[in-house]
Structures are given as structure tokens and as C-alpha cells.
Amino acid sequence: MPILTQHDIDCCIFGCGCKKESEVNEFKSIEKFKIFNTNNLWVNLSAIKRLVEADALKMEIIPNSKEVNGIKVLQLETASGAAIKFFDHAIGINVPRSRFLPVKATSDLLLVQSDLYTLVDGFVIRNNARANPTNPSIELGPEFKKVGNFLSRFKSIPSIIELDSLKVTGDVWFGAGIVLKGKVTIAAKPGVKLEIPDGAVIENKGINGPEDI
């Protein structure tokens, strides 16, 4: 079974030239690649010491172009997951979804903080009340990108048991006890603060202002 290494993932995300742009969608397919490295690594320190002393860790450099405070910079990275090839007898552990639910963006954070999941004895338990086997698609605008901003915009995380997709753009604020169902789009007009009131139930709607709720 094909396995993605962290280097493969970084190549796909950062565009180091290992994959053609036309191949990205196929490369990200969970049908083709069902297992990938999650960046959880357990390594014997003595083994690392032997490799370092032998100058045997020949890591590839991954160039990552980004912008910091308006300045374009080139960040040079190495992928720790790719180092597995230098260790003899390395093995992989298949972690079930009940123990691994990645949070790499605030849209992921909304999922795990919602009523879709609960944490019981270290296990992430999915709510049996959700009939759809897949998770809702959630897309939050730049106003929600930082965790602090994300948390400040929700009095409480909405109920999303029956949600199919959510797209939020602009200066949007959520009250408490909100329920989202079906396909929901919330887009505040430029320069306008849009507040979703406490207890609102929004189902298969596009919201652009208070009059739409």
C-alpha cells in the first residue's frame, strides 16, 4: 500500500518541484494514499548519535517561499519524517481514526470542538447522531485564521451534526446555541459586522445580512 512521507506532503504543500501541478489532486487522493506519516516519531537516541557521528543523515532541503510582515522570505526546511530511510528496522504504526484527528487549521478546530466529537478516556468519539459518514466541509475566512480571533468570534461552537458544508467570509460573529444544517454560506458585506444571534437555526441558506436570518 502506498505510504506518504512527510517529505512528500511538504513537497505537495510547499511546491519544491517534486510533483507537477497537474498531479496535485491525484497526489492528495485519500483513495490512492490511505496512509501517511503524521509527524509522530519515536527514535532511539543512541541510533541518532551513531548516525550523526557517522555523518550519515543526508537530509534534503525543502525551499518554502512565504511572506513575513510584508517581506518575502525563503525558509529552508528539512523533513524529519524523511529521515526514517536512514534507520535500520524502522516500522510504521497504523493509528486508528478514533485516536487521531488532526487539527492544522481553525476549521479543523471547529470540528473537534463541536458536538460532532467528544473525548472519552483519550479516544475521540464521533457522535452517532450524524448519519453522514463524512465530516462537514468547513471553510473559514482570514478573520478566523488565528486561534485567538477564532475563539473570540464564537460565544459557543455551533451544533453541526446535520451540517454538510459551511463557508464563512468577512466580519462574522456567532452567538450561543446556534444550529447549522445542510449547506450554509455566511458572507458579511465589506465593512459591515454581521452577528448571528443566539439560538439561530440556519439550514441550506446563504446569509449576507440580518434580514437573511
N, C-alpha and C. Protein backbone atom coordinates (compact mmCIF):
# COMPACT_ATOMS: atom_id res chain seq x y z
N MET A 1 0.85 -1.20 0.00
CA MET A 1 0.00 0.00 0.00
C MET A 1 0.89 1.25 0.00
N PRO A 2 0.61 2.24 -0.88
CA PRO A 2 1.44 3.45 -0.90
C PRO A 2 1.38 4.19 0.41
N ILE A 3 2.51 4.72 0.85
CA ILE A 3 2.57 5.50 2.09
C ILE A 3 3.22 6.84 1.79
N LEU A 4 2.58 7.93 2.21
CA LEU A 4 3.15 9.25 2.05
C LEU A 4 4.13 9.53 3.18
N THR A 5 5.30 10.05 2.85
CA THR A 5 6.21 10.52 3.88
C THR A 5 5.96 12.01 4.10
N GLN A 6 6.50 12.54 5.20
CA GLN A 6 6.32 13.96 5.44
C GLN A 6 6.96 14.78 4.33
N HIS A 7 8.05 14.28 3.77
CA HIS A 7 8.68 14.98 2.65
C HIS A 7 7.73 15.09 1.47
N ASP A 8 7.01 14.01 1.19
CA ASP A 8 6.04 14.03 0.10
C ASP A 8 4.97 15.08 0.36
N ILE A 9 4.48 15.12 1.60
CA ILE A 9 3.42 16.07 1.94
C ILE A 9 3.94 17.49 1.82
N ASP A 10 5.15 17.74 2.33
CA ASP A 10 5.73 19.08 2.25
C ASP A 10 5.96 19.49 0.81
N CYS A 11 6.38 18.53 -0.03
CA CYS A 11 6.58 18.83 -1.45
C CYS A 11 5.27 19.29 -2.07
N CYS A 12 4.22 18.60 -1.73
CA CYS A 12 2.91 18.91 -2.29
C CYS A 12 2.44 20.27 -1.82
N ILE A 13 2.66 20.57 -0.53
CA ILE A 13 2.18 21.82 0.04
C ILE A 13 3.07 23.00 -0.36
N PHE A 14 4.38 22.80 -0.28
CA PHE A 14 5.30 23.91 -0.47
C PHE A 14 5.83 24.03 -1.89
N GLY A 15 5.57 23.02 -2.72
CA GLY A 15 5.94 23.13 -4.12
C GLY A 15 7.43 23.13 -4.36
N CYS A 16 8.15 22.10 -3.88
CA CYS A 16 9.60 22.07 -4.06
C CYS A 16 9.98 21.48 -5.42
N GLY A 17 8.99 21.17 -6.25
CA GLY A 17 9.31 20.74 -7.60
C GLY A 17 9.25 19.25 -7.81
N CYS A 18 8.96 18.47 -6.76
CA CYS A 18 8.93 17.02 -6.90
C CYS A 18 7.65 16.55 -7.59
N LYS A 19 6.60 17.35 -7.55
CA LYS A 19 5.32 16.96 -8.14
C LYS A 19 4.86 18.03 -9.12
N LYS A 20 4.31 17.61 -10.26
CA LYS A 20 3.77 18.55 -11.22
C LYS A 20 2.43 19.09 -10.71
N GLU A 21 2.14 20.33 -11.06
CA GLU A 21 0.91 20.95 -10.59
C GLU A 21 -0.32 20.16 -11.03
N SER A 22 -0.26 19.57 -12.22
CA SER A 22 -1.39 18.81 -12.75
C SER A 22 -1.61 17.52 -11.99
N GLU A 23 -0.63 17.10 -11.18
CA GLU A 23 -0.73 15.83 -10.47
C GLU A 23 -1.13 16.00 -9.01
N VAL A 24 -1.29 17.25 -8.56
CA VAL A 24 -1.51 17.51 -7.14
C VAL A 24 -2.78 16.84 -6.63
N ASN A 25 -3.90 16.97 -7.37
CA ASN A 25 -5.16 16.39 -6.90
C ASN A 25 -5.06 14.88 -6.76
N GLU A 26 -4.42 14.24 -7.74
CA GLU A 26 -4.24 12.79 -7.65
C GLU A 26 -3.33 12.45 -6.46
N PHE A 27 -2.31 13.26 -6.26
CA PHE A 27 -1.36 13.01 -5.18
C PHE A 27 -2.00 13.13 -3.81
N LYS A 28 -3.00 14.01 -3.67
CA LYS A 28 -3.69 14.21 -2.40
C LYS A 28 -4.86 13.26 -2.19
N SER A 29 -5.10 12.39 -3.15
CA SER A 29 -6.25 11.49 -3.09
C SER A 29 -6.13 10.50 -1.94
N ILE A 30 -7.16 10.48 -1.07
CA ILE A 30 -7.15 9.52 0.03
C ILE A 30 -7.57 8.14 -0.45
N GLU A 31 -8.01 8.04 -1.70
CA GLU A 31 -8.32 6.73 -2.27
C GLU A 31 -7.02 6.03 -2.67
N LYS A 32 -6.08 6.80 -3.20
CA LYS A 32 -4.81 6.21 -3.64
C LYS A 32 -3.84 6.05 -2.47
N PHE A 33 -3.75 7.07 -1.61
CA PHE A 33 -2.85 7.04 -0.46
C PHE A 33 -3.69 7.02 0.81
N LYS A 34 -3.92 5.85 1.35
CA LYS A 34 -4.78 5.71 2.52
C LYS A 34 -4.02 5.90 3.83
N ILE A 35 -2.69 5.86 3.78
CA ILE A 35 -1.87 6.00 4.98
C ILE A 35 -0.80 7.06 4.72
N PHE A 36 -0.57 7.95 5.69
CA PHE A 36 0.51 8.92 5.55
C PHE A 36 1.13 9.19 6.91
N ASN A 37 2.36 9.68 6.86
CA ASN A 37 3.09 9.96 8.08
C ASN A 37 2.47 11.15 8.81
N THR A 38 2.20 10.99 10.10
CA THR A 38 1.53 12.04 10.87
C THR A 38 2.49 12.90 11.68
N ASN A 39 3.80 12.72 11.46
CA ASN A 39 4.82 13.51 12.17
C ASN A 39 5.00 13.08 13.63
N ASN A 40 4.45 11.95 14.02
CA ASN A 40 4.72 11.41 15.35
C ASN A 40 5.86 10.41 15.22
N LEU A 41 6.99 10.75 15.78
CA LEU A 41 8.19 9.92 15.61
C LEU A 41 8.76 9.50 16.96
N TRP A 42 9.07 8.22 17.09
CA TRP A 42 9.77 7.70 18.26
C TRP A 42 11.13 7.19 17.79
N VAL A 43 12.20 7.75 18.34
CA VAL A 43 13.54 7.40 17.86
C VAL A 43 14.46 7.10 19.04
N ASN A 44 15.26 6.07 18.89
CA ASN A 44 16.27 5.73 19.89
C ASN A 44 17.41 6.74 19.79
N LEU A 45 17.70 7.44 20.88
CA LEU A 45 18.72 8.48 20.85
C LEU A 45 20.10 7.93 20.51
N SER A 46 20.34 6.69 20.92
CA SER A 46 21.64 6.08 20.59
C SER A 46 21.78 5.89 19.09
N ALA A 47 20.67 5.56 18.43
CA ALA A 47 20.69 5.40 16.97
C ALA A 47 20.97 6.73 16.29
N ILE A 48 20.37 7.80 16.79
CA ILE A 48 20.63 9.13 16.23
C ILE A 48 22.10 9.49 16.41
N LYS A 49 22.64 9.21 17.60
CA LYS A 49 24.03 9.52 17.89
C LYS A 49 24.97 8.82 16.90
N ARG A 50 24.68 7.53 16.63
CA ARG A 50 25.53 6.79 15.69
C ARG A 50 25.48 7.40 14.30
N LEU A 51 24.29 7.78 13.85
CA LEU A 51 24.16 8.35 12.51
C LEU A 51 24.83 9.73 12.41
N VAL A 52 24.68 10.54 13.46
CA VAL A 52 25.29 11.88 13.44
C VAL A 52 26.81 11.76 13.43
N GLU A 53 27.35 10.88 14.27
CA GLU A 53 28.80 10.71 14.32
C GLU A 53 29.35 10.16 13.02
N ALA A 54 28.54 9.39 12.29
CA ALA A 54 28.96 8.84 11.00
C ALA A 54 28.64 9.78 9.84
N ASP A 55 28.08 10.95 10.15
CA ASP A 55 27.68 11.93 9.15
C ASP A 55 26.79 11.27 8.09
N ALA A 56 25.84 10.46 8.57
CA ALA A 56 25.02 9.65 7.66
C ALA A 56 23.62 10.21 7.45
N LEU A 57 23.27 11.30 8.13
CA LEU A 57 21.95 11.90 7.95
C LEU A 57 22.02 12.94 6.82
N LYS A 58 21.82 12.49 5.62
CA LYS A 58 21.90 13.37 4.45
C LYS A 58 20.48 13.83 4.09
N MET A 59 20.02 14.87 4.75
CA MET A 59 18.64 15.32 4.59
C MET A 59 18.49 16.27 3.41
N GLU A 60 17.36 16.11 2.68
CA GLU A 60 17.06 17.00 1.57
C GLU A 60 16.59 18.36 2.10
N ILE A 61 16.94 19.41 1.38
CA ILE A 61 16.49 20.75 1.73
C ILE A 61 15.22 21.07 0.96
N ILE A 62 14.20 21.56 1.68
CA ILE A 62 12.93 21.93 1.06
C ILE A 62 12.79 23.46 1.12
N PRO A 63 12.82 24.14 -0.02
CA PRO A 63 12.62 25.60 -0.02
C PRO A 63 11.14 25.95 0.12
N ASN A 64 10.83 26.82 1.06
CA ASN A 64 9.45 27.22 1.31
C ASN A 64 9.34 28.74 1.24
N SER A 65 8.76 29.23 0.13
CA SER A 65 8.60 30.68 -0.04
C SER A 65 7.40 31.14 0.77
N LYS A 66 7.58 32.21 1.53
CA LYS A 66 6.47 32.76 2.32
C LYS A 66 6.68 34.25 2.51
N GLU A 67 5.69 34.89 3.12
CA GLU A 67 5.77 36.32 3.39
C GLU A 67 5.60 36.56 4.88
N VAL A 68 6.54 37.27 5.49
CA VAL A 68 6.51 37.56 6.91
C VAL A 68 6.54 39.07 7.11
N ASN A 69 5.47 39.60 7.71
CA ASN A 69 5.36 41.05 7.93
C ASN A 69 5.58 41.84 6.66
N GLY A 70 5.03 41.31 5.55
CA GLY A 70 5.13 42.01 4.28
C GLY A 70 6.44 41.81 3.53
N ILE A 71 7.35 41.03 4.12
CA ILE A 71 8.65 40.79 3.48
C ILE A 71 8.69 39.37 2.95
N LYS A 72 9.04 39.20 1.68
CA LYS A 72 9.15 37.88 1.08
C LYS A 72 10.44 37.21 1.55
N VAL A 73 10.31 36.00 2.09
CA VAL A 73 11.48 35.28 2.60
C VAL A 73 11.47 33.86 2.03
N LEU A 74 12.62 33.22 2.06
CA LEU A 74 12.75 31.83 1.65
C LEU A 74 13.18 31.03 2.86
N GLN A 75 12.28 30.19 3.35
CA GLN A 75 12.56 29.36 4.51
C GLN A 75 13.08 28.01 4.04
N LEU A 76 14.23 27.60 4.54
CA LEU A 76 14.82 26.32 4.16
C LEU A 76 14.49 25.30 5.25
N GLU A 77 13.89 24.20 4.84
CA GLU A 77 13.42 23.20 5.80
C GLU A 77 13.99 21.83 5.49
N THR A 78 14.01 21.00 6.51
CA THR A 78 14.26 19.56 6.32
C THR A 78 13.08 18.82 6.92
N ALA A 79 12.70 17.73 6.29
CA ALA A 79 11.54 16.96 6.74
C ALA A 79 12.00 15.82 7.63
N SER A 80 11.67 15.91 8.92
CA SER A 80 12.13 14.88 9.86
C SER A 80 11.60 13.50 9.50
N GLY A 81 10.37 13.45 8.96
CA GLY A 81 9.81 12.15 8.60
C GLY A 81 10.60 11.44 7.52
N ALA A 82 11.28 12.22 6.66
CA ALA A 82 12.05 11.62 5.57
C ALA A 82 13.31 10.93 6.09
N ALA A 83 13.71 11.21 7.34
CA ALA A 83 14.92 10.61 7.90
C ALA A 83 14.75 9.14 8.22
N ILE A 84 13.51 8.64 8.16
CA ILE A 84 13.26 7.25 8.51
C ILE A 84 14.07 6.29 7.63
N LYS A 85 14.39 6.72 6.40
CA LYS A 85 15.12 5.84 5.48
C LYS A 85 16.55 5.57 5.95
N PHE A 86 17.06 6.37 6.88
CA PHE A 86 18.44 6.18 7.35
C PHE A 86 18.52 5.20 8.53
N PHE A 87 17.38 4.80 9.08
CA PHE A 87 17.37 3.94 10.25
C PHE A 87 17.03 2.50 9.87
N ASP A 88 17.83 1.57 10.35
CA ASP A 88 17.55 0.16 10.10
C ASP A 88 16.37 -0.29 10.98
N HIS A 89 15.57 -1.20 10.46
CA HIS A 89 14.46 -1.81 11.19
C HIS A 89 13.39 -0.80 11.62
N ALA A 90 13.23 0.29 10.85
CA ALA A 90 12.17 1.26 11.15
C ALA A 90 10.81 0.64 10.82
N ILE A 91 9.81 0.96 11.62
CA ILE A 91 8.46 0.43 11.39
C ILE A 91 7.44 1.56 11.46
N GLY A 92 6.27 1.31 10.90
CA GLY A 92 5.18 2.27 10.97
C GLY A 92 4.06 1.73 11.82
N ILE A 93 3.36 2.61 12.52
CA ILE A 93 2.23 2.21 13.37
C ILE A 93 0.96 2.83 12.79
N ASN A 94 -0.02 1.99 12.51
CA ASN A 94 -1.29 2.46 11.97
C ASN A 94 -2.19 2.90 13.13
N VAL A 95 -2.37 4.22 13.25
CA VAL A 95 -3.19 4.76 14.34
C VAL A 95 -4.62 4.92 13.84
N PRO A 96 -5.61 4.32 14.51
CA PRO A 96 -7.00 4.42 14.05
C PRO A 96 -7.53 5.83 14.18
N ARG A 97 -8.55 6.14 13.39
CA ARG A 97 -9.13 7.48 13.38
C ARG A 97 -9.68 7.87 14.75
N SER A 98 -10.02 6.89 15.56
CA SER A 98 -10.54 7.19 16.89
C SER A 98 -9.48 7.79 17.81
N ARG A 99 -8.20 7.66 17.42
CA ARG A 99 -7.11 8.21 18.23
C ARG A 99 -6.40 9.36 17.54
N PHE A 100 -6.76 9.63 16.28
CA PHE A 100 -6.03 10.65 15.52
C PHE A 100 -7.00 11.52 14.73
N LEU A 101 -7.15 12.76 15.13
CA LEU A 101 -7.98 13.71 14.41
C LEU A 101 -7.18 15.00 14.29
N PRO A 102 -6.48 15.19 13.18
CA PRO A 102 -5.53 16.31 13.07
C PRO A 102 -6.21 17.67 13.11
N VAL A 103 -5.57 18.61 13.78
CA VAL A 103 -6.04 19.99 13.82
C VAL A 103 -4.89 20.87 13.32
N LYS A 104 -5.00 21.26 12.06
CA LYS A 104 -3.94 22.07 11.45
C LYS A 104 -4.45 23.45 11.05
N ALA A 105 -5.74 23.68 11.22
CA ALA A 105 -6.34 24.98 10.91
C ALA A 105 -7.54 25.17 11.82
N THR A 106 -8.02 26.42 11.91
CA THR A 106 -9.15 26.68 12.79
C THR A 106 -10.43 25.98 12.30
N SER A 107 -10.50 25.67 11.01
CA SER A 107 -11.65 24.91 10.51
C SER A 107 -11.67 23.51 11.11
N ASP A 108 -10.47 22.92 11.30
CA ASP A 108 -10.37 21.62 11.98
C ASP A 108 -10.73 21.76 13.45
N LEU A 109 -10.32 22.88 14.05
CA LEU A 109 -10.61 23.13 15.47
C LEU A 109 -12.11 23.23 15.70
N LEU A 110 -12.82 23.86 14.76
CA LEU A 110 -14.27 23.96 14.89
C LEU A 110 -14.90 22.57 14.92
N LEU A 111 -14.40 21.67 14.09
CA LEU A 111 -14.93 20.30 14.04
C LEU A 111 -14.79 19.61 15.40
N VAL A 112 -13.57 19.63 15.95
CA VAL A 112 -13.33 18.86 17.17
C VAL A 112 -13.95 19.51 18.41
N GLN A 113 -14.20 20.82 18.35
CA GLN A 113 -14.83 21.50 19.48
C GLN A 113 -16.36 21.43 19.42
N SER A 114 -16.88 20.98 18.28
CA SER A 114 -18.33 20.94 18.10
C SER A 114 -18.92 19.69 18.75
N ASP A 115 -20.25 19.55 18.61
CA ASP A 115 -20.93 18.37 19.14
C ASP A 115 -20.75 17.15 18.25
N LEU A 116 -19.92 17.29 17.22
CA LEU A 116 -19.65 16.15 16.34
C LEU A 116 -18.71 15.14 17.01
N TYR A 117 -17.92 15.61 17.99
CA TYR A 117 -16.97 14.73 18.67
C TYR A 117 -16.98 14.96 20.18
N THR A 118 -16.64 13.90 20.90
CA THR A 118 -16.38 14.02 22.34
C THR A 118 -15.10 13.25 22.64
N LEU A 119 -14.44 13.59 23.72
CA LEU A 119 -13.21 12.91 24.13
C LEU A 119 -13.50 12.06 25.35
N VAL A 120 -13.31 10.75 25.21
CA VAL A 120 -13.58 9.81 26.30
C VAL A 120 -12.37 8.92 26.52
N ASP A 121 -11.71 9.07 27.69
CA ASP A 121 -10.55 8.24 28.03
C ASP A 121 -9.48 8.24 26.95
N GLY A 122 -9.23 9.41 26.36
CA GLY A 122 -8.19 9.53 25.36
C GLY A 122 -8.63 9.18 23.95
N PHE A 123 -9.88 8.74 23.79
CA PHE A 123 -10.40 8.40 22.47
C PHE A 123 -11.31 9.51 21.97
N VAL A 124 -11.12 9.89 20.70
CA VAL A 124 -12.01 10.87 20.08
C VAL A 124 -13.20 10.11 19.52
N ILE A 125 -14.37 10.31 20.12
CA ILE A 125 -15.57 9.55 19.77
C ILE A 125 -16.49 10.41 18.90
N ARG A 126 -16.85 9.87 17.73
CA ARG A 126 -17.73 10.58 16.82
C ARG A 126 -19.19 10.37 17.24
N ASN A 127 -19.96 11.42 17.12
CA ASN A 127 -21.36 11.39 17.53
C ASN A 127 -22.17 10.47 16.62
N ASN A 128 -22.78 9.46 17.19
CA ASN A 128 -23.58 8.51 16.41
C ASN A 128 -24.82 9.14 15.79
N ALA A 129 -25.17 10.34 16.25
CA ALA A 129 -26.35 11.01 15.72
C ALA A 129 -26.14 11.51 14.30
N ARG A 130 -24.88 11.59 13.86
CA ARG A 130 -24.61 12.04 12.49
C ARG A 130 -24.73 10.86 11.54
N ALA A 131 -25.65 10.96 10.59
CA ALA A 131 -25.89 9.88 9.65
C ALA A 131 -24.84 9.85 8.54
N ASN A 132 -24.39 11.01 8.11
CA ASN A 132 -23.39 11.11 7.04
C ASN A 132 -22.04 10.60 7.54
N PRO A 133 -21.42 9.63 6.86
CA PRO A 133 -20.15 9.08 7.33
C PRO A 133 -18.97 10.05 7.17
N THR A 134 -19.11 11.07 6.34
CA THR A 134 -18.04 12.03 6.14
C THR A 134 -18.28 13.28 6.98
N ASN A 135 -17.21 14.00 7.28
CA ASN A 135 -17.32 15.22 8.06
C ASN A 135 -17.79 16.39 7.19
N PRO A 136 -18.38 17.40 7.79
CA PRO A 136 -18.77 18.59 7.03
C PRO A 136 -17.53 19.27 6.44
N SER A 137 -17.72 19.90 5.30
CA SER A 137 -16.67 20.72 4.71
C SER A 137 -16.77 22.12 5.31
N ILE A 138 -15.68 22.59 5.93
CA ILE A 138 -15.71 23.89 6.60
C ILE A 138 -14.61 24.79 6.06
N GLU A 139 -15.00 25.98 5.64
CA GLU A 139 -14.04 26.96 5.11
C GLU A 139 -14.27 28.29 5.81
N LEU A 140 -13.27 28.73 6.57
CA LEU A 140 -13.37 29.98 7.32
C LEU A 140 -12.44 31.02 6.71
N GLY A 141 -12.91 32.26 6.68
CA GLY A 141 -12.13 33.35 6.11
C GLY A 141 -10.94 33.74 6.96
N PRO A 142 -10.10 34.65 6.45
CA PRO A 142 -8.88 35.06 7.16
C PRO A 142 -9.14 35.67 8.54
N GLU A 143 -10.35 36.17 8.75
CA GLU A 143 -10.68 36.74 10.07
C GLU A 143 -10.66 35.68 11.17
N PHE A 144 -10.74 34.41 10.77
CA PHE A 144 -10.76 33.30 11.72
C PHE A 144 -9.45 32.53 11.75
N LYS A 145 -8.45 32.99 11.04
CA LYS A 145 -7.22 32.20 10.85
C LYS A 145 -6.46 31.97 12.16
N LYS A 146 -6.29 33.03 12.96
CA LYS A 146 -5.58 32.89 14.22
C LYS A 146 -6.51 32.35 15.30
N VAL A 147 -5.98 31.49 16.15
CA VAL A 147 -6.80 30.82 17.16
C VAL A 147 -7.50 31.83 18.07
N GLY A 148 -6.79 32.87 18.47
CA GLY A 148 -7.39 33.88 19.35
C GLY A 148 -8.58 34.56 18.69
N ASN A 149 -8.43 34.93 17.42
CA ASN A 149 -9.53 35.55 16.69
C ASN A 149 -10.69 34.58 16.51
N PHE A 150 -10.35 33.33 16.20
CA PHE A 150 -11.37 32.29 16.03
C PHE A 150 -12.20 32.15 17.30
N LEU A 151 -11.55 32.00 18.44
CA LEU A 151 -12.26 31.80 19.70
C LEU A 151 -13.11 33.00 20.08
N SER A 152 -12.62 34.20 19.78
CA SER A 152 -13.36 35.40 20.17
C SER A 152 -14.63 35.58 19.35
N ARG A 153 -14.73 34.95 18.19
CA ARG A 153 -15.87 35.13 17.29
C ARG A 153 -17.00 34.13 17.56
N PHE A 154 -16.82 33.25 18.52
CA PHE A 154 -17.86 32.28 18.87
C PHE A 154 -18.19 32.39 20.36
N LYS A 155 -19.45 32.70 20.70
CA LYS A 155 -19.87 32.58 22.09
C LYS A 155 -19.86 31.10 22.48
N SER A 156 -20.30 30.27 21.56
CA SER A 156 -20.18 28.81 21.70
C SER A 156 -20.12 28.23 20.30
N ILE A 157 -19.50 27.06 20.17
CA ILE A 157 -19.38 26.44 18.86
C ILE A 157 -20.75 25.92 18.42
N PRO A 158 -21.17 26.24 17.19
CA PRO A 158 -22.50 25.80 16.73
C PRO A 158 -22.64 24.28 16.67
N SER A 159 -23.88 23.82 16.73
CA SER A 159 -24.17 22.40 16.51
C SER A 159 -24.06 22.13 15.00
N ILE A 160 -23.30 21.10 14.62
CA ILE A 160 -23.09 20.83 13.19
C ILE A 160 -23.38 19.37 12.85
N ILE A 161 -24.16 18.70 13.66
CA ILE A 161 -24.48 17.29 13.43
C ILE A 161 -25.07 17.07 12.04
N GLU A 162 -25.92 18.00 11.59
CA GLU A 162 -26.58 17.85 10.29
C GLU A 162 -26.03 18.80 9.23
N LEU A 163 -24.82 19.30 9.46
CA LEU A 163 -24.20 20.23 8.51
C LEU A 163 -23.47 19.47 7.40
N ASP A 164 -23.65 19.94 6.15
CA ASP A 164 -22.91 19.37 5.02
C ASP A 164 -21.71 20.23 4.68
N SER A 165 -21.91 21.55 4.64
CA SER A 165 -20.79 22.44 4.33
C SER A 165 -21.06 23.82 4.93
N LEU A 166 -19.97 24.49 5.28
CA LEU A 166 -20.05 25.84 5.84
C LEU A 166 -18.92 26.68 5.25
N LYS A 167 -19.29 27.85 4.71
CA LYS A 167 -18.29 28.80 4.22
C LYS A 167 -18.58 30.16 4.85
N VAL A 168 -17.57 30.71 5.53
CA VAL A 168 -17.74 31.98 6.23
C VAL A 168 -16.70 32.97 5.74
N THR A 169 -17.14 34.15 5.32
CA THR A 169 -16.22 35.20 4.90
C THR A 169 -16.65 36.53 5.50
N GLY A 170 -15.68 37.38 5.77
CA GLY A 170 -15.96 38.70 6.30
C GLY A 170 -16.02 38.75 7.81
N ASP A 171 -16.49 39.89 8.32
CA ASP A 171 -16.51 40.16 9.76
C ASP A 171 -17.76 39.53 10.39
N VAL A 172 -17.70 38.23 10.62
CA VAL A 172 -18.85 37.47 11.13
C VAL A 172 -18.62 37.05 12.58
N TRP A 173 -19.67 37.16 13.41
CA TRP A 173 -19.60 36.79 14.82
C TRP A 173 -20.78 35.87 15.14
N PHE A 174 -20.51 34.81 15.90
CA PHE A 174 -21.53 33.81 16.21
C PHE A 174 -21.96 33.90 17.67
N GLY A 175 -23.29 33.88 17.88
CA GLY A 175 -23.83 33.85 19.22
C GLY A 175 -23.79 32.45 19.80
N ALA A 176 -24.52 32.24 20.89
CA ALA A 176 -24.54 30.93 21.56
C ALA A 176 -25.73 30.10 21.08
N GLY A 177 -25.57 28.78 21.13
CA GLY A 177 -26.68 27.88 20.84
C GLY A 177 -27.13 27.88 19.39
N ILE A 178 -26.24 28.17 18.46
CA ILE A 178 -26.60 28.21 17.04
C ILE A 178 -26.56 26.80 16.45
N VAL A 179 -27.48 26.51 15.54
CA VAL A 179 -27.54 25.21 14.87
C VAL A 179 -27.39 25.43 13.36
N LEU A 180 -26.45 24.71 12.75
CA LEU A 180 -26.22 24.81 11.31
C LEU A 180 -26.56 23.48 10.65
N LYS A 181 -27.35 23.54 9.56
CA LYS A 181 -27.76 22.32 8.87
C LYS A 181 -27.61 22.47 7.36
N GLY A 182 -27.31 21.36 6.69
CA GLY A 182 -27.23 21.39 5.23
C GLY A 182 -26.06 22.22 4.74
N LYS A 183 -26.28 22.97 3.67
CA LYS A 183 -25.24 23.82 3.09
C LYS A 183 -25.47 25.27 3.50
N VAL A 184 -24.50 25.82 4.22
CA VAL A 184 -24.64 27.17 4.77
C VAL A 184 -23.48 28.05 4.30
N THR A 185 -23.83 29.22 3.79
CA THR A 185 -22.82 30.22 3.41
C THR A 185 -23.13 31.52 4.15
N ILE A 186 -22.14 32.05 4.84
CA ILE A 186 -22.31 33.31 5.57
C ILE A 186 -21.24 34.27 5.10
N ALA A 187 -21.65 35.35 4.47
CA ALA A 187 -20.69 36.32 3.92
C ALA A 187 -21.09 37.73 4.32
N ALA A 188 -20.31 38.32 5.22
CA ALA A 188 -20.59 39.70 5.64
C ALA A 188 -20.17 40.66 4.53
N LYS A 189 -20.96 41.70 4.34
CA LYS A 189 -20.63 42.71 3.34
C LYS A 189 -19.38 43.48 3.79
N PRO A 190 -18.57 43.96 2.85
CA PRO A 190 -17.35 44.70 3.21
C PRO A 190 -17.64 45.84 4.17
N GLY A 191 -16.89 45.89 5.25
CA GLY A 191 -17.04 46.97 6.22
C GLY A 191 -18.22 46.83 7.17
N VAL A 192 -18.94 45.71 7.09
CA VAL A 192 -20.13 45.50 7.93
C VAL A 192 -19.90 44.32 8.87
N LYS A 193 -20.22 44.55 10.15
CA LYS A 193 -20.13 43.48 11.14
C LYS A 193 -21.43 42.69 11.14
N LEU A 194 -21.35 41.40 10.88
CA LEU A 194 -22.54 40.55 10.81
C LEU A 194 -22.56 39.63 12.03
N GLU A 195 -23.59 39.79 12.88
CA GLU A 195 -23.72 38.99 14.09
C GLU A 195 -24.84 37.97 13.90
N ILE A 196 -24.51 36.68 14.10
CA ILE A 196 -25.51 35.63 14.06
C ILE A 196 -26.07 35.50 15.47
N PRO A 197 -27.35 35.73 15.67
CA PRO A 197 -27.90 35.82 17.04
C PRO A 197 -27.95 34.48 17.77
N ASP A 198 -28.02 34.56 19.07
CA ASP A 198 -28.15 33.36 19.91
C ASP A 198 -29.34 32.53 19.46
N GLY A 199 -29.14 31.21 19.44
CA GLY A 199 -30.25 30.31 19.16
C GLY A 199 -30.69 30.21 17.71
N ALA A 200 -29.99 30.87 16.78
CA ALA A 200 -30.39 30.84 15.38
C ALA A 200 -30.23 29.44 14.80
N VAL A 201 -31.19 29.04 13.99
CA VAL A 201 -31.13 27.77 13.27
C VAL A 201 -31.06 28.10 11.78
N ILE A 202 -29.93 27.76 11.14
CA ILE A 202 -29.72 28.11 9.73
C ILE A 202 -29.58 26.82 8.93
N GLU A 203 -30.47 26.64 7.97
CA GLU A 203 -30.47 25.40 7.18
C GLU A 203 -30.53 25.73 5.69
N ASN A 204 -29.52 25.25 4.94
CA ASN A 204 -29.48 25.44 3.48
C ASN A 204 -29.77 26.89 3.10
N LYS A 205 -28.94 27.79 3.64
CA LYS A 205 -29.15 29.22 3.41
C LYS A 205 -27.85 29.94 3.11
N GLY A 206 -28.02 31.04 2.38
CA GLY A 206 -26.92 31.98 2.20
C GLY A 206 -27.24 33.23 2.99
N ILE A 207 -26.37 33.59 3.91
CA ILE A 207 -26.61 34.75 4.80
C ILE A 207 -25.64 35.87 4.42
N ASN A 208 -26.22 37.05 4.09
CA ASN A 208 -25.40 38.23 3.79
C ASN A 208 -25.69 39.39 4.73
N GLY A 209 -26.76 39.25 5.51
CA GLY A 209 -27.13 40.30 6.44
C GLY A 209 -28.19 39.81 7.40
N PRO A 210 -28.52 40.58 8.44
CA PRO A 210 -29.52 40.18 9.45
C PRO A 210 -30.87 39.81 8.84
N GLU A 211 -31.20 40.44 7.72
CA GLU A 211 -32.50 40.18 7.09
C GLU A 211 -32.60 38.77 6.52
N ASP A 212 -31.45 38.09 6.33
CA ASP A 212 -31.45 36.75 5.76
C ASP A 212 -31.60 35.66 6.81
N ILE A 213 -31.49 36.03 8.08
CA ILE A 213 -31.51 35.01 9.13
C ILE A 213 -32.95 34.66 9.50
